[in-house]
Amino acid sequence: MVQGFGVIAAIVLIGYLLGRTGALGDGGREALTRLSFYVGTPALLLKMLSESDVSVIFSIPLLVTALSTFAAAGLFVLVGLVRGWNIRRTTIGALCSSYVNAGNLGIPIAVYVLGDATLVAPVMLFQLLVMTPIGLTVIDCAQSGARGPVWSRLLAPLRNPIVICSLIGVALSLGGWRIPAPVLEPITLLGHLSVPTVLLAFGISLRGSALPAGGSERWPVLLSVGLKSFAHPVIAWAIGAGLFGLEGASLFAAVVISALPAAQNLFVYASRYEVGVRLARESILLSTILSVPVLFTVTALLG
C-alpha cells in the first residue's frame, strides 16, 4: 500500500518541480494531458482490454461495486440538481465521487492487501466500459453551443479516442483475436505514456494553486471527497453485507476497492473538456490523502 502511494507521490512531485522551474514552458501541462488523452490512455486501454476476459464483469462482487458506484455518483448529481450546478461540472464531480483509482493504486493494494491482483480487473473493465462512456457522453451532449440532431450528439463519444480504442479492445477480446506482436509492441510502448504523463501534468497543475477546498469550488470538492472517501465504502459494505449477504474475503475486497481514491485520469478528462479542472484536481488530491487512513481502518475492521 505504502509502495503504491509512494510511486504516485514521487512522480507528482517531479511534475510539481517541472512546473516550478518552467522546464516544459507555459503549455507543458496542456501538452501532457493531450498526450495522455489522445495517445497514451487509448493505447493502454486497447492493449489491456484486448487481452482481458470481459466475462469477469458478471459477478456478485462487481455488482456490489457497480451499485455502490452509481449510488455515490447519484448522490452528487442529486445535490448538483438541487443547487443548480452546471451539468458538465456536476458530471466531473460525480465521477470524482465514485470512479476509483483501480490501476496504479488498485493493483498494488490488491496484491499487498487482498493477495490477488485480479480482483481489480472487473472494476477496471466496468469503469472503462460503463462509467467512462456515460460520463463522456453527458459532457459531450451538454457542451455549450452544441449543434446538430440529438442522435449526432449522442454519437459524439464515438469520436473520442479513449472510447474508440476501448470498443476495439473489447471487440478483439470477444472475438478471441490477438494483436500481432509487431503491432502490439509500439502500442504497448505508447500505453506506458498514460500514467506518468497524467501524474506529471497533475503535479504541474499544483504549482501556484490555492489550498484545496477553498473558493468557489469548496462545497463541490468537499462533497465529492466525502462521498468518495467515506460514503462510497460504507455504501459498498451495506449493499454487500445487507443485500447480497457477502462476508469474509469477498466483502473485504469490495469495501477496499470502493475505498480507493478518485482516479487521476479524471483530471485528464476535466482538462481536455475544460470543465471542473480545479474540482477534479482537488478531489483527487484530497481523496488520495484521505484514502490512507480509510484503507487502514477498513483493513483493521474487516481484514
C-alpha atoms as a PDB file:
ATOM      1  CA  MET A   1       0.000   0.000   0.000  1.00  0.00           C
ATOM      2  CA  VAL A   2       2.779   2.395   1.006  1.00  0.00           C
ATOM      3  CA  GLN A   3       4.729   1.473  -2.125  1.00  0.00           C
ATOM      4  CA  GLY A   4       1.773   2.278  -4.366  1.00  0.00           C
ATOM      5  CA  PHE A   5       1.240   5.698  -2.786  1.00  0.00           C
ATOM      6  CA  GLY A   6       4.980   6.364  -2.809  1.00  0.00           C
ATOM      7  CA  VAL A   7       5.313   5.829  -6.557  1.00  0.00           C
ATOM      8  CA  ILE A   8       2.439   8.215  -7.266  1.00  0.00           C
ATOM      9  CA  ALA A   9       3.762  10.864  -4.870  1.00  0.00           C
ATOM     10  CA  ALA A  10       7.253  10.716  -6.404  1.00  0.00           C
ATOM     11  CA  ILE A  11       6.021  11.312  -9.974  1.00  0.00           C
ATOM     12  CA  VAL A  12       3.613  14.056  -8.898  1.00  0.00           C
ATOM     13  CA  LEU A  13       6.496  15.750  -7.060  1.00  0.00           C
ATOM     14  CA  ILE A  14       8.620  15.643 -10.217  1.00  0.00           C
ATOM     15  CA  GLY A  15       5.727  17.221 -12.111  1.00  0.00           C
ATOM     16  CA  TYR A  16       5.464  19.957  -9.483  1.00  0.00           C
ATOM     17  CA  LEU A  17       9.200  20.679  -9.807  1.00  0.00           C
ATOM     18  CA  LEU A  18       8.853  20.845 -13.585  1.00  0.00           C
ATOM     19  CA  GLY A  19       6.097  23.392 -13.090  1.00  0.00           C
ATOM     20  CA  ARG A  20       8.165  25.407 -10.634  1.00  0.00           C
ATOM     21  CA  THR A  21      11.162  25.567 -12.947  1.00  0.00           C
ATOM     22  CA  GLY A  22       9.123  26.114 -16.092  1.00  0.00           C
ATOM     23  CA  ALA A  23      11.133  23.406 -17.837  1.00  0.00           C
ATOM     24  CA  LEU A  24       8.239  22.470 -20.152  1.00  0.00           C
ATOM     25  CA  GLY A  25       7.130  26.029 -20.836  1.00  0.00           C
ATOM     26  CA  ASP A  26       3.714  27.570 -20.346  1.00  0.00           C
ATOM     27  CA  GLY A  27       1.923  24.843 -22.295  1.00  0.00           C
ATOM     28  CA  GLY A  28       3.570  21.879 -20.597  1.00  0.00           C
ATOM     29  CA  ARG A  29       0.532  20.719 -18.646  1.00  0.00           C
ATOM     30  CA  GLU A  30      -1.793  21.008 -21.630  1.00  0.00           C
ATOM     31  CA  ALA A  31       0.638  19.107 -23.850  1.00  0.00           C
ATOM     32  CA  LEU A  32       0.944  16.278 -21.313  1.00  0.00           C
ATOM     33  CA  THR A  33      -2.812  15.970 -20.782  1.00  0.00           C
ATOM     34  CA  ARG A  34      -3.430  15.910 -24.529  1.00  0.00           C
ATOM     35  CA  LEU A  35      -0.660  13.341 -24.978  1.00  0.00           C
ATOM     36  CA  SER A  36      -2.317  11.140 -22.385  1.00  0.00           C
ATOM     37  CA  PHE A  37      -5.854  11.679 -23.732  1.00  0.00           C
ATOM     38  CA  TYR A  38      -5.094  11.166 -27.426  1.00  0.00           C
ATOM     39  CA  VAL A  39      -2.173   8.717 -27.331  1.00  0.00           C
ATOM     40  CA  GLY A  40      -1.157   7.121 -24.030  1.00  0.00           C
ATOM     41  CA  THR A  41      -4.515   6.225 -22.498  1.00  0.00           C
ATOM     42  CA  PRO A  42      -6.134   4.951 -25.742  1.00  0.00           C
ATOM     43  CA  ALA A  43      -3.098   2.744 -26.417  1.00  0.00           C
ATOM     44  CA  LEU A  44      -3.116   1.405 -22.862  1.00  0.00           C
ATOM     45  CA  LEU A  45      -6.844   0.605 -22.976  1.00  0.00           C
ATOM     46  CA  LEU A  46      -6.583  -1.039 -26.380  1.00  0.00           C
ATOM     47  CA  LYS A  47      -3.854  -3.385 -25.159  1.00  0.00           C
ATOM     48  CA  MET A  48      -5.412  -4.088 -21.762  1.00  0.00           C
ATOM     49  CA  LEU A  49      -8.960  -4.714 -22.986  1.00  0.00           C
ATOM     50  CA  SER A  50      -7.887  -6.802 -25.984  1.00  0.00           C
ATOM     51  CA  GLU A  51      -6.037  -9.154 -23.609  1.00  0.00           C
ATOM     52  CA  SER A  52      -8.744  -9.234 -20.925  1.00  0.00           C
ATOM     53  CA  ASP A  53     -11.621 -11.591 -20.281  1.00  0.00           C
ATOM     54  CA  VAL A  54     -14.670  -9.316 -20.361  1.00  0.00           C
ATOM     55  CA  SER A  55     -16.809 -12.099 -18.885  1.00  0.00           C
ATOM     56  CA  VAL A  56     -15.310 -11.333 -15.436  1.00  0.00           C
ATOM     57  CA  ILE A  57     -17.554  -8.289 -15.148  1.00  0.00           C
ATOM     58  CA  PHE A  58     -20.516 -10.594 -14.470  1.00  0.00           C
ATOM     59  CA  SER A  59     -20.097 -11.380 -10.768  1.00  0.00           C
ATOM     60  CA  ILE A  60     -21.785 -10.563  -7.449  1.00  0.00           C
ATOM     61  CA  PRO A  61     -18.789  -8.632  -6.013  1.00  0.00           C
ATOM     62  CA  LEU A  62     -18.677  -6.447  -9.110  1.00  0.00           C
ATOM     63  CA  LEU A  63     -22.430  -5.885  -8.887  1.00  0.00           C
ATOM     64  CA  VAL A  64     -21.847  -4.601  -5.354  1.00  0.00           C
ATOM     65  CA  THR A  65     -19.164  -2.249  -6.654  1.00  0.00           C
ATOM     66  CA  ALA A  66     -21.343  -1.108  -9.563  1.00  0.00           C
ATOM     67  CA  LEU A  67     -24.363  -0.368  -7.359  1.00  0.00           C
ATOM     68  CA  SER A  68     -22.279   1.499  -4.783  1.00  0.00           C
ATOM     69  CA  THR A  69     -20.568   3.442  -7.587  1.00  0.00           C
ATOM     70  CA  PHE A  70     -23.862   4.555  -9.094  1.00  0.00           C
ATOM     71  CA  ALA A  71     -25.177   5.391  -5.607  1.00  0.00           C
ATOM     72  CA  ALA A  72     -22.204   7.627  -4.767  1.00  0.00           C
ATOM     73  CA  ALA A  73     -22.335   9.328  -8.178  1.00  0.00           C
ATOM     74  CA  GLY A  74     -26.102   9.694  -7.905  1.00  0.00           C
ATOM     75  CA  LEU A  75     -25.841  11.459  -4.562  1.00  0.00           C
ATOM     76  CA  PHE A  76     -23.516  14.063  -6.067  1.00  0.00           C
ATOM     77  CA  VAL A  77     -25.824  14.516  -9.057  1.00  0.00           C
ATOM     78  CA  LEU A  78     -28.816  14.926  -6.736  1.00  0.00           C
ATOM     79  CA  VAL A  79     -27.079  17.682  -4.770  1.00  0.00           C
ATOM     80  CA  GLY A  80     -25.948  19.273  -8.026  1.00  0.00           C
ATOM     81  CA  LEU A  81     -29.519  19.353  -9.335  1.00  0.00           C
ATOM     82  CA  VAL A  82     -30.817  20.876  -6.110  1.00  0.00           C
ATOM     83  CA  ARG A  83     -28.057  23.508  -6.089  1.00  0.00           C
ATOM     84  CA  GLY A  84     -28.408  24.227  -9.807  1.00  0.00           C
ATOM     85  CA  TRP A  85     -24.816  23.359 -10.695  1.00  0.00           C
ATOM     86  CA  ASN A  86     -23.688  23.165 -14.305  1.00  0.00           C
ATOM     87  CA  ILE A  87     -24.370  19.711 -15.808  1.00  0.00           C
ATOM     88  CA  ARG A  88     -20.858  19.189 -17.173  1.00  0.00           C
ATOM     89  CA  ARG A  89     -19.218  20.283 -13.914  1.00  0.00           C
ATOM     90  CA  THR A  90     -21.628  18.095 -11.957  1.00  0.00           C
ATOM     91  CA  THR A  91     -20.643  15.129 -14.139  1.00  0.00           C
ATOM     92  CA  ILE A  92     -16.955  15.632 -13.298  1.00  0.00           C
ATOM     93  CA  GLY A  93     -17.862  15.850  -9.613  1.00  0.00           C
ATOM     94  CA  ALA A  94     -19.986  12.700  -9.808  1.00  0.00           C
ATOM     95  CA  LEU A  95     -17.090  10.798 -11.412  1.00  0.00           C
ATOM     96  CA  CYS A  96     -14.706  12.073  -8.725  1.00  0.00           C
ATOM     97  CA  SER A  97     -17.173  10.808  -6.109  1.00  0.00           C
ATOM     98  CA  SER A  98     -17.289   7.273  -7.462  1.00  0.00           C
ATOM     99  CA  TYR A  99     -14.599   6.447 -10.061  1.00  0.00           C
ATOM    100  CA  VAL A 100     -11.781   4.660  -8.197  1.00  0.00           C
ATOM    101  CA  ASN A 101      -8.068   4.530  -8.952  1.00  0.00           C
ATOM    102  CA  ALA A 102      -8.113   0.842  -9.844  1.00  0.00           C
ATOM    103  CA  GLY A 103      -4.951   0.987 -11.940  1.00  0.00           C
ATOM    104  CA  ASN A 104      -1.778   2.407 -10.462  1.00  0.00           C
ATOM    105  CA  LEU A 105      -3.124   2.241  -6.888  1.00  0.00           C
ATOM    106  CA  GLY A 106      -5.673  -0.565  -7.090  1.00  0.00           C
ATOM    107  CA  ILE A 107      -3.252  -3.169  -8.430  1.00  0.00           C
ATOM    108  CA  PRO A 108      -0.555  -2.839  -5.725  1.00  0.00           C
ATOM    109  CA  ILE A 109      -3.185  -2.640  -2.996  1.00  0.00           C
ATOM    110  CA  ALA A 110      -4.939  -5.720  -4.392  1.00  0.00           C
ATOM    111  CA  VAL A 111      -1.598  -7.555  -4.304  1.00  0.00           C
ATOM    112  CA  TYR A 112      -0.392  -6.498  -0.869  1.00  0.00           C
ATOM    113  CA  VAL A 113      -3.708  -6.139   0.982  1.00  0.00           C
ATOM    114  CA  LEU A 114      -6.101  -8.532  -0.781  1.00  0.00           C
ATOM    115  CA  GLY A 115      -3.498 -11.004  -2.020  1.00  0.00           C
ATOM    116  CA  ASP A 116      -4.919 -11.183  -5.561  1.00  0.00           C
ATOM    117  CA  ALA A 117      -4.273  -8.596  -8.289  1.00  0.00           C
ATOM    118  CA  THR A 118      -7.076  -9.990 -10.472  1.00  0.00           C
ATOM    119  CA  LEU A 119      -9.702  -8.653  -8.064  1.00  0.00           C
ATOM    120  CA  VAL A 120      -9.422  -5.164  -9.540  1.00  0.00           C
ATOM    121  CA  ALA A 121      -9.733  -6.326 -13.168  1.00  0.00           C
ATOM    122  CA  PRO A 122     -13.574  -6.439 -13.183  1.00  0.00           C
ATOM    123  CA  VAL A 123     -13.728  -2.964 -11.629  1.00  0.00           C
ATOM    124  CA  MET A 124     -11.364  -1.554 -14.232  1.00  0.00           C
ATOM    125  CA  LEU A 125     -13.462  -3.087 -17.026  1.00  0.00           C
ATOM    126  CA  PHE A 126     -16.703  -1.771 -15.520  1.00  0.00           C
ATOM    127  CA  GLN A 127     -15.304   1.740 -15.266  1.00  0.00           C
ATOM    128  CA  LEU A 128     -13.852   1.678 -18.771  1.00  0.00           C
ATOM    129  CA  LEU A 129     -16.870   0.106 -20.470  1.00  0.00           C
ATOM    130  CA  VAL A 130     -19.684   1.735 -18.493  1.00  0.00           C
ATOM    131  CA  MET A 131     -18.665   4.722 -16.365  1.00  0.00           C
ATOM    132  CA  THR A 132     -16.317   6.422 -18.827  1.00  0.00           C
ATOM    133  CA  PRO A 133     -18.681   6.269 -21.843  1.00  0.00           C
ATOM    134  CA  ILE A 134     -21.614   7.510 -19.736  1.00  0.00           C
ATOM    135  CA  GLY A 135     -19.621  10.376 -18.267  1.00  0.00           C
ATOM    136  CA  LEU A 136     -18.068  11.496 -21.547  1.00  0.00           C
ATOM    137  CA  THR A 137     -21.416  11.223 -23.344  1.00  0.00           C
ATOM    138  CA  VAL A 138     -23.071  13.533 -20.821  1.00  0.00           C
ATOM    139  CA  ILE A 139     -20.195  16.015 -21.028  1.00  0.00           C
ATOM    140  CA  ASP A 140     -20.266  15.968 -24.832  1.00  0.00           C
ATOM    141  CA  CYS A 141     -24.041  16.313 -25.107  1.00  0.00           C
ATOM    142  CA  ALA A 142     -24.241  19.095 -22.504  1.00  0.00           C
ATOM    143  CA  GLN A 143     -21.496  21.152 -24.133  1.00  0.00           C
ATOM    144  CA  SER A 144     -22.495  24.768 -24.557  1.00  0.00           C
ATOM    145  CA  GLY A 145     -23.219  25.665 -28.159  1.00  0.00           C
ATOM    146  CA  ALA A 146     -23.581  22.046 -29.274  1.00  0.00           C
ATOM    147  CA  ARG A 147     -25.301  21.842 -32.661  1.00  0.00           C
ATOM    148  CA  GLY A 148     -26.908  19.126 -34.713  1.00  0.00           C
ATOM    149  CA  PRO A 149     -29.573  16.475 -34.096  1.00  0.00           C
ATOM    150  CA  VAL A 150     -29.789  14.559 -30.838  1.00  0.00           C
ATOM    151  CA  TRP A 151     -28.534  11.332 -32.408  1.00  0.00           C
ATOM    152  CA  SER A 152     -25.413  13.134 -33.655  1.00  0.00           C
ATOM    153  CA  ARG A 153     -24.622  14.433 -30.182  1.00  0.00           C
ATOM    154  CA  LEU A 154     -25.245  11.033 -28.629  1.00  0.00           C
ATOM    155  CA  LEU A 155     -22.744   9.518 -31.052  1.00  0.00           C
ATOM    156  CA  ALA A 156     -20.161  12.216 -30.284  1.00  0.00           C
ATOM    157  CA  PRO A 157     -18.253   9.972 -27.798  1.00  0.00           C
ATOM    158  CA  LEU A 158     -17.618   7.527 -30.666  1.00  0.00           C
ATOM    159  CA  ARG A 159     -15.221  10.158 -31.989  1.00  0.00           C
ATOM    160  CA  ASN A 160     -13.391  10.085 -28.656  1.00  0.00           C
ATOM    161  CA  PRO A 161     -10.089   8.145 -28.933  1.00  0.00           C
ATOM    162  CA  ILE A 162     -10.495   6.624 -25.464  1.00  0.00           C
ATOM    163  CA  VAL A 163     -13.944   5.237 -26.263  1.00  0.00           C
ATOM    164  CA  ILE A 164     -12.892   4.102 -29.746  1.00  0.00           C
ATOM    165  CA  CYS A 165      -9.875   2.149 -28.502  1.00  0.00           C
ATOM    166  CA  SER A 166     -11.908   0.676 -25.641  1.00  0.00           C
ATOM    167  CA  LEU A 167     -14.529  -0.620 -28.069  1.00  0.00           C
ATOM    168  CA  ILE A 168     -11.859  -2.036 -30.392  1.00  0.00           C
ATOM    169  CA  GLY A 169     -10.209  -3.763 -27.437  1.00  0.00           C
ATOM    170  CA  VAL A 170     -13.498  -5.310 -26.312  1.00  0.00           C
ATOM    171  CA  ALA A 171     -14.279  -6.461 -29.862  1.00  0.00           C
ATOM    172  CA  LEU A 172     -10.868  -8.143 -30.124  1.00  0.00           C
ATOM    173  CA  SER A 173     -11.371  -9.829 -26.764  1.00  0.00           C
ATOM    174  CA  LEU A 174     -14.858 -11.084 -27.583  1.00  0.00           C
ATOM    175  CA  GLY A 175     -13.695 -12.346 -30.964  1.00  0.00           C
ATOM    176  CA  GLY A 176     -10.744 -14.173 -29.445  1.00  0.00           C
ATOM    177  CA  TRP A 177      -8.319 -12.270 -31.667  1.00  0.00           C
ATOM    178  CA  ARG A 178      -4.857 -11.166 -30.625  1.00  0.00           C
ATOM    179  CA  ILE A 179      -2.973  -8.133 -31.897  1.00  0.00           C
ATOM    180  CA  PRO A 180       0.117  -9.293 -33.863  1.00  0.00           C
ATOM    181  CA  ALA A 181       3.358  -8.807 -31.945  1.00  0.00           C
ATOM    182  CA  PRO A 182       4.895  -6.282 -34.382  1.00  0.00           C
ATOM    183  CA  VAL A 183       1.770  -4.101 -33.988  1.00  0.00           C
ATOM    184  CA  LEU A 184       1.358  -4.710 -30.258  1.00  0.00           C
ATOM    185  CA  GLU A 185       4.881  -3.614 -29.340  1.00  0.00           C
ATOM    186  CA  PRO A 186       4.516   0.068 -30.338  1.00  0.00           C
ATOM    187  CA  ILE A 187       1.019   0.109 -28.820  1.00  0.00           C
ATOM    188  CA  THR A 188       2.489  -1.175 -25.560  1.00  0.00           C
ATOM    189  CA  LEU A 189       5.234   1.449 -25.578  1.00  0.00           C
ATOM    190  CA  LEU A 190       2.722   4.228 -26.202  1.00  0.00           C
ATOM    191  CA  GLY A 191       0.488   2.829 -23.458  1.00  0.00           C
ATOM    192  CA  HIS A 192       3.341   3.261 -20.989  1.00  0.00           C
ATOM    193  CA  LEU A 193       2.949   7.019 -21.502  1.00  0.00           C
ATOM    194  CA  SER A 194      -0.501   7.074 -19.938  1.00  0.00           C
ATOM    195  CA  VAL A 195       0.132   7.006 -16.189  1.00  0.00           C
ATOM    196  CA  PRO A 196       3.341   9.083 -15.966  1.00  0.00           C
ATOM    197  CA  THR A 197       2.014  11.839 -18.249  1.00  0.00           C
ATOM    198  CA  VAL A 198      -1.170  12.114 -16.162  1.00  0.00           C
ATOM    199  CA  LEU A 199       0.784  12.291 -12.904  1.00  0.00           C
ATOM    200  CA  LEU A 200       3.313  14.780 -14.269  1.00  0.00           C
ATOM    201  CA  ALA A 201       0.511  17.024 -15.575  1.00  0.00           C
ATOM    202  CA  PHE A 202      -1.229  16.712 -12.210  1.00  0.00           C
ATOM    203  CA  GLY A 203       1.970  17.765 -10.433  1.00  0.00           C
ATOM    204  CA  ILE A 204       2.467  20.748 -12.734  1.00  0.00           C
ATOM    205  CA  SER A 205      -1.108  21.884 -12.033  1.00  0.00           C
ATOM    206  CA  LEU A 206      -0.337  22.091  -8.304  1.00  0.00           C
ATOM    207  CA  ARG A 207       2.169  24.910  -8.871  1.00  0.00           C
ATOM    208  CA  GLY A 208       0.679  28.178  -7.715  1.00  0.00           C
ATOM    209  CA  SER A 209      -2.693  26.607  -6.901  1.00  0.00           C
ATOM    210  CA  ALA A 210      -4.574  27.688  -3.801  1.00  0.00           C
ATOM    211  CA  LEU A 211      -5.107  25.426  -0.822  1.00  0.00           C
ATOM    212  CA  PRO A 212      -7.608  22.639  -1.612  1.00  0.00           C
ATOM    213  CA  ALA A 213     -11.306  23.042  -0.844  1.00  0.00           C
ATOM    214  CA  GLY A 214     -11.300  26.817  -0.973  1.00  0.00           C
ATOM    215  CA  GLY A 215     -13.025  29.476  -3.027  1.00  0.00           C
ATOM    216  CA  SER A 216     -15.995  28.805  -5.280  1.00  0.00           C
ATOM    217  CA  GLU A 217     -15.214  25.079  -5.565  1.00  0.00           C
ATOM    218  CA  ARG A 218     -15.169  24.473  -1.824  1.00  0.00           C
ATOM    219  CA  TRP A 219     -18.508  22.727  -1.408  1.00  0.00           C
ATOM    220  CA  PRO A 220     -18.389  20.608  -4.587  1.00  0.00           C
ATOM    221  CA  VAL A 221     -14.872  19.468  -3.626  1.00  0.00           C
ATOM    222  CA  LEU A 222     -15.824  18.656  -0.044  1.00  0.00           C
ATOM    223  CA  LEU A 223     -18.934  16.828  -1.219  1.00  0.00           C
ATOM    224  CA  SER A 224     -17.072  14.704  -3.768  1.00  0.00           C
ATOM    225  CA  VAL A 225     -14.260  13.907  -1.321  1.00  0.00           C
ATOM    226  CA  GLY A 226     -16.734  12.994   1.417  1.00  0.00           C
ATOM    227  CA  LEU A 227     -18.672  10.716  -0.915  1.00  0.00           C
ATOM    228  CA  LYS A 228     -15.543   9.080  -2.373  1.00  0.00           C
ATOM    229  CA  SER A 229     -13.590   8.621   0.861  1.00  0.00           C
ATOM    230  CA  PHE A 230     -16.358   7.755   3.318  1.00  0.00           C
ATOM    231  CA  ALA A 231     -19.790   7.242   1.746  1.00  0.00           C
ATOM    232  CA  HIS A 232     -18.666   5.003  -1.127  1.00  0.00           C
ATOM    233  CA  PRO A 233     -17.025   2.283   1.038  1.00  0.00           C
ATOM    234  CA  VAL A 234     -19.874   2.438   3.566  1.00  0.00           C
ATOM    235  CA  ILE A 235     -22.453   2.024   0.800  1.00  0.00           C
ATOM    236  CA  ALA A 236     -20.455  -0.887  -0.639  1.00  0.00           C
ATOM    237  CA  TRP A 237     -20.387  -2.575   2.783  1.00  0.00           C
ATOM    238  CA  ALA A 238     -24.135  -2.034   3.285  1.00  0.00           C
ATOM    239  CA  ILE A 239     -25.031  -3.400  -0.165  1.00  0.00           C
ATOM    240  CA  GLY A 240     -22.592  -6.305   0.041  1.00  0.00           C
ATOM    241  CA  ALA A 241     -23.475  -7.443   3.550  1.00  0.00           C
ATOM    242  CA  GLY A 242     -27.124  -6.419   3.694  1.00  0.00           C
ATOM    243  CA  LEU A 243     -28.376  -7.020   0.167  1.00  0.00           C
ATOM    244  CA  PHE A 244     -26.195  -9.879  -1.095  1.00  0.00           C
ATOM    245  CA  GLY A 245     -25.075 -11.453   2.168  1.00  0.00           C
ATOM    246  CA  LEU A 246     -21.372 -11.214   1.336  1.00  0.00           C
ATOM    247  CA  GLU A 247     -18.911 -11.840   4.131  1.00  0.00           C
ATOM    248  CA  GLY A 248     -15.262 -12.595   4.703  1.00  0.00           C
ATOM    249  CA  ALA A 249     -12.790 -12.039   1.866  1.00  0.00           C
ATOM    250  CA  SER A 250     -15.430 -11.127  -0.749  1.00  0.00           C
ATOM    251  CA  LEU A 251     -16.940  -8.363   1.381  1.00  0.00           C
ATOM    252  CA  PHE A 252     -13.485  -7.146   2.411  1.00  0.00           C
ATOM    253  CA  ALA A 253     -12.362  -6.891  -1.223  1.00  0.00           C
ATOM    254  CA  ALA A 254     -15.496  -4.993  -2.287  1.00  0.00           C
ATOM    255  CA  VAL A 255     -15.105  -2.427   0.502  1.00  0.00           C
ATOM    256  CA  VAL A 256     -11.348  -1.971  -0.014  1.00  0.00           C
ATOM    257  CA  ILE A 257     -11.793  -1.347  -3.743  1.00  0.00           C
ATOM    258  CA  SER A 258     -14.594   1.147  -3.065  1.00  0.00           C
ATOM    259  CA  ALA A 259     -12.330   2.949  -0.575  1.00  0.00           C
ATOM    260  CA  LEU A 260      -9.692   3.664  -3.246  1.00  0.00           C
ATOM    261  CA  PRO A 261      -9.306   7.380  -4.094  1.00  0.00           C
ATOM    262  CA  ALA A 262     -10.536   9.094  -7.232  1.00  0.00           C
ATOM    263  CA  ALA A 263      -8.596   8.148 -10.367  1.00  0.00           C
ATOM    264  CA  GLN A 264      -6.052  10.556 -11.856  1.00  0.00           C
ATOM    265  CA  ASN A 265      -7.393  10.110 -15.390  1.00  0.00           C
ATOM    266  CA  LEU A 266     -10.448  12.145 -14.318  1.00  0.00           C
ATOM    267  CA  PHE A 267      -8.101  15.137 -14.238  1.00  0.00           C
ATOM    268  CA  VAL A 268      -7.273  14.424 -17.897  1.00  0.00           C
ATOM    269  CA  TYR A 269     -10.964  14.349 -18.826  1.00  0.00           C
ATOM    270  CA  ALA A 270     -11.615  17.614 -16.980  1.00  0.00           C
ATOM    271  CA  SER A 271      -8.601  19.278 -18.604  1.00  0.00           C
ATOM    272  CA  ARG A 272      -9.466  18.029 -22.067  1.00  0.00           C
ATOM    273  CA  TYR A 273     -13.039  19.335 -21.878  1.00  0.00           C
ATOM    274  CA  GLU A 274     -12.003  22.425 -19.876  1.00  0.00           C
ATOM    275  CA  VAL A 275     -14.618  21.866 -17.200  1.00  0.00           C
ATOM    276  CA  GLY A 276     -14.232  21.311 -13.452  1.00  0.00           C
ATOM    277  CA  VAL A 277     -10.428  21.202 -13.642  1.00  0.00           C
ATOM    278  CA  ARG A 278      -9.940  22.546 -10.130  1.00  0.00           C
ATOM    279  CA  LEU A 279     -12.754  20.347  -8.818  1.00  0.00           C
ATOM    280  CA  ALA A 280     -11.086  17.255 -10.288  1.00  0.00           C
ATOM    281  CA  ARG A 281      -7.566  18.192  -9.153  1.00  0.00           C
ATOM    282  CA  GLU A 282      -8.511  18.949  -5.563  1.00  0.00           C
ATOM    283  CA  SER A 283     -10.896  15.997  -5.241  1.00  0.00           C
ATOM    284  CA  ILE A 284      -8.212  13.609  -6.466  1.00  0.00           C
ATOM    285  CA  LEU A 285      -5.571  15.124  -4.186  1.00  0.00           C
ATOM    286  CA  LEU A 286      -7.688  15.102  -1.021  1.00  0.00           C
ATOM    287  CA  SER A 287      -9.268  11.694  -1.609  1.00  0.00           C
ATOM    288  CA  THR A 288      -5.806  10.210  -2.211  1.00  0.00           C
ATOM    289  CA  ILE A 289      -4.523  11.644   1.072  1.00  0.00           C
ATOM    290  CA  LEU A 290      -7.607  10.503   2.994  1.00  0.00           C
ATOM    291  CA  SER A 291      -7.569   7.033   1.463  1.00  0.00           C
ATOM    292  CA  VAL A 292      -4.510   6.097   3.539  1.00  0.00           C
ATOM    293  CA  PRO A 293      -6.262   6.205   6.954  1.00  0.00           C
ATOM    294  CA  VAL A 294      -9.512   4.962   5.402  1.00  0.00           C
ATOM    295  CA  LEU A 295      -7.846   1.874   3.901  1.00  0.00           C
ATOM    296  CA  PHE A 296      -6.014   1.117   7.132  1.00  0.00           C
ATOM    297  CA  THR A 297      -9.308   1.444   9.047  1.00  0.00           C
ATOM    298  CA  VAL A 298     -11.133  -0.863   6.623  1.00  0.00           C
ATOM    299  CA  THR A 299      -8.296  -3.399   6.920  1.00  0.00           C
ATOM    300  CA  ALA A 300      -8.430  -3.246  10.699  1.00  0.00           C
ATOM    301  CA  LEU A 301     -12.218  -3.708  10.817  1.00  0.00           C
ATOM    302  CA  LEU A 302     -12.778  -6.263   8.052  1.00  0.00           C
ATOM    303  CA  GLY A 303      -9.384  -7.724   7.153  1.00  0.00           C
END
